[in-house]
């Protein structure tokens, strides 16, 4: 299959806005992704140690009234994003295993730093009570001051840390 160009970023932004508007209209909620991981972890804790999950003040609230954390809409949204990314990659000819990195570092180093970056991002998203999708995009869509502060903080910290970690991909 022939590799195609990326979508026009302005058109993609409009489509993202329409997806966000549709999510708010049909579900009454905005977009979010970090919560899906939280619900998956909560479900895993419940599956591994039911007693701990039932007695823990944090975990027990997710199992009240026989609820199942994996049936939360955020889990379905994240699964849909993974499936959509897979389909998009297949149609655009970009579906392959590839580690993008600097030729000056090993695959192991790149994967380690990518994992650590993901861990810190999800931890920060839980502290901030939302990720770029939930806190920033959905927050900005409803003109929340916190949404604008979150987006500026994300971009500001990305520019700051990019200088320190640029050797991982340049």
Protein backbone atom coordinates (compact mmCIF):
# COMPACT_ATOMS: atom_id res chain seq x y z
CA UNK A 1 0.00 0.00 0.00
CA UNK A 2 1.27 3.47 -0.87
CA UNK A 3 2.05 5.85 1.98
CA UNK A 4 -0.19 8.95 1.95
CA UNK A 5 0.43 12.45 3.25
CA UNK A 6 -0.86 13.46 6.66
CA UNK A 7 -4.21 15.20 6.90
CA UNK A 8 -4.25 18.99 6.68
CA UNK A 9 -3.86 20.15 10.31
CA UNK A 10 -6.54 22.85 9.99
CA UNK A 11 -9.05 20.39 8.57
CA UNK A 12 -8.10 17.85 11.26
CA UNK A 13 -8.62 20.55 13.92
CA UNK A 14 -12.10 21.28 12.58
CA UNK A 15 -12.90 17.56 12.62
CA UNK A 16 -11.64 17.28 16.21
CA UNK A 17 -13.86 20.20 17.16
CA UNK A 18 -16.85 18.48 15.55
CA UNK A 19 -16.06 15.25 17.42
CA UNK A 20 -15.88 17.22 20.68
CA UNK A 21 -19.14 19.00 19.91
CA UNK A 22 -20.81 15.68 19.07
CA UNK A 23 -19.53 14.10 22.30
CA UNK A 24 -20.93 16.99 24.33
CA UNK A 25 -24.26 16.90 22.49
CA UNK A 26 -24.84 13.13 22.56
CA UNK A 27 -23.27 12.17 25.90
CA UNK A 28 -23.33 15.43 27.83
CA UNK A 29 -19.58 15.09 28.38
CA UNK A 30 -16.44 16.19 26.65
CA UNK A 31 -13.53 14.07 25.55
CA UNK A 32 -10.98 12.54 27.91
CA UNK A 33 -8.47 9.72 27.82
CA UNK A 34 -6.51 9.45 31.07
CA UNK A 35 -9.59 8.34 33.00
CA UNK A 36 -9.87 5.26 30.79
CA UNK A 37 -6.50 4.05 32.05
CA UNK A 38 -7.58 4.77 35.62
CA UNK A 39 -10.69 2.62 35.21
CA UNK A 40 -8.61 -0.19 33.69
CA UNK A 41 -6.23 -0.10 36.68
CA UNK A 42 -9.16 -0.06 39.12
CA UNK A 43 -10.67 -3.08 37.35
CA UNK A 44 -7.32 -4.91 37.52
CA UNK A 45 -7.01 -4.20 41.26
CA UNK A 46 -10.56 -5.48 41.75
CA UNK A 47 -9.81 -8.63 39.79
CA UNK A 48 -6.53 -9.33 41.63
CA UNK A 49 -7.64 -8.52 45.20
CA UNK A 50 -11.40 -8.06 45.67
CA UNK A 51 -11.06 -7.64 49.44
CA UNK A 52 -8.58 -4.77 49.09
CA UNK A 53 -10.73 -3.08 46.46
CA UNK A 54 -13.85 -3.41 48.64
CA UNK A 55 -12.15 -2.07 51.78
CA UNK A 56 -10.14 0.73 50.15
CA UNK A 57 -11.80 4.16 50.35
CA UNK A 58 -10.45 4.97 46.88
CA UNK A 59 -11.23 1.75 45.00
CA UNK A 60 -14.51 0.86 46.70
CA UNK A 61 -16.40 3.80 45.17
CA UNK A 62 -15.82 2.32 41.70
CA UNK A 63 -17.53 -0.94 42.65
CA UNK A 64 -20.59 0.49 44.46
CA UNK A 65 -23.97 -1.00 43.55
CA UNK A 66 -22.29 -3.78 41.56
CA UNK A 67 -20.78 -1.38 39.02
CA UNK A 68 -18.01 -2.62 36.74
CA UNK A 69 -15.24 -0.10 36.01
CA UNK A 70 -14.57 -1.47 32.52
CA UNK A 71 -18.10 -0.50 31.46
CA UNK A 72 -17.31 3.18 31.92
CA UNK A 73 -17.63 5.30 28.78
CA UNK A 74 -13.98 6.44 29.05
CA UNK A 75 -12.75 2.86 28.63
CA UNK A 76 -14.86 2.51 25.49
CA UNK A 77 -13.58 5.86 24.21
CA UNK A 78 -9.93 4.80 24.65
CA UNK A 79 -10.59 1.45 22.96
CA UNK A 80 -12.23 3.36 20.11
CA UNK A 81 -9.18 5.63 19.79
CA UNK A 82 -6.86 2.62 19.61
CA UNK A 83 -9.07 0.93 17.02
CA UNK A 84 -9.45 4.18 15.06
CA UNK A 85 -5.67 4.75 15.08
CA UNK A 86 -5.12 1.21 13.84
CA UNK A 87 -7.65 1.65 11.02
CA UNK A 88 -6.23 5.07 10.10
CA UNK A 89 -2.70 3.66 10.00
CA UNK A 90 -3.83 0.77 7.83
CA UNK A 91 -5.64 3.02 5.32
CA UNK A 92 -2.77 5.52 5.11
CA UNK A 93 -0.07 2.87 4.65
CA UNK A 94 1.65 3.71 7.95
CA UNK A 95 0.81 0.56 9.89
CA UNK A 96 4.14 -0.91 10.90
CA UNK A 97 6.27 -1.41 13.99
CA UNK A 98 8.78 1.42 14.13
CA UNK A 99 10.68 3.15 16.91
CA UNK A 100 11.29 6.78 16.02
CA UNK A 101 14.45 7.96 17.70
CA UNK A 102 17.83 9.56 17.26
CA UNK A 103 20.46 7.31 15.70
CA UNK A 104 22.65 8.23 18.70
CA UNK A 105 20.61 6.30 21.28
CA UNK A 106 19.52 2.67 21.60
CA UNK A 107 15.99 1.35 21.17
CA UNK A 108 16.01 0.37 24.85
CA UNK A 109 16.82 3.94 25.96
CA UNK A 110 14.14 5.42 23.69
CA UNK A 111 11.49 2.97 24.93
CA UNK A 112 12.49 3.55 28.57
CA UNK A 113 12.14 7.33 28.23
CA UNK A 114 8.88 6.98 26.29
CA UNK A 115 7.50 4.77 29.07
CA UNK A 116 8.67 7.17 31.80
CA UNK A 117 7.17 10.12 29.92
CA UNK A 118 3.86 8.28 29.69
CA UNK A 119 3.92 7.43 33.40
CA UNK A 120 4.64 11.04 34.38
CA UNK A 121 1.99 12.34 31.99
CA UNK A 122 -0.73 10.02 33.33
CA UNK A 123 0.28 10.79 36.93
CA UNK A 124 0.15 14.51 36.19
CA UNK A 125 -3.19 14.09 34.44
CA UNK A 126 -4.61 12.42 37.54
CA UNK A 127 -3.26 15.21 39.76
CA UNK A 128 -4.77 17.81 37.42
CA UNK A 129 -8.04 15.82 37.21
CA UNK A 130 -7.76 15.50 33.45
CA UNK A 131 -5.44 15.11 30.48
CA UNK A 132 -5.00 17.29 27.40
CA UNK A 133 -8.27 15.96 26.03
CA UNK A 134 -10.37 16.29 29.16
CA UNK A 135 -8.91 19.24 31.02
CA UNK A 136 -7.55 21.29 28.14
CA UNK A 137 -9.65 20.68 25.01
CA UNK A 138 -12.98 20.03 26.70
CA UNK A 139 -12.26 22.72 29.30
CA UNK A 140 -11.40 25.29 26.64
CA UNK A 141 -14.50 24.34 24.65
CA UNK A 142 -16.67 25.53 27.55
CA UNK A 143 -14.43 28.57 28.19
CA UNK A 144 -13.13 27.24 31.49
CA UNK A 145 -10.21 29.26 32.83
CA UNK A 146 -8.68 26.00 34.09
CA UNK A 147 -8.81 24.63 30.53
CA UNK A 148 -6.79 27.56 29.19
CA UNK A 149 -4.29 27.38 32.08
CA UNK A 150 -3.92 23.63 31.54
CA UNK A 151 -3.25 24.01 27.81
CA UNK A 152 -0.71 26.79 28.36
CA UNK A 153 1.00 24.70 31.06
CA UNK A 154 1.15 21.64 28.81
CA UNK A 155 2.66 23.55 25.89
CA UNK A 156 4.98 25.58 28.13
CA UNK A 157 6.35 22.52 29.90
CA UNK A 158 6.64 20.67 26.58
CA UNK A 159 8.82 23.44 25.15
CA UNK A 160 10.91 23.57 28.32
CA UNK A 161 11.50 19.83 28.58
CA UNK A 162 11.96 19.36 24.82
CA UNK A 163 15.22 21.27 25.02
CA UNK A 164 16.54 18.94 27.75
CA UNK A 165 15.43 15.72 26.08
CA UNK A 166 15.96 16.62 22.42
CA UNK A 167 18.83 14.14 22.10
CA UNK A 168 16.27 11.33 22.36
CA UNK A 169 14.84 12.08 18.93
CA UNK A 170 17.23 14.44 17.07
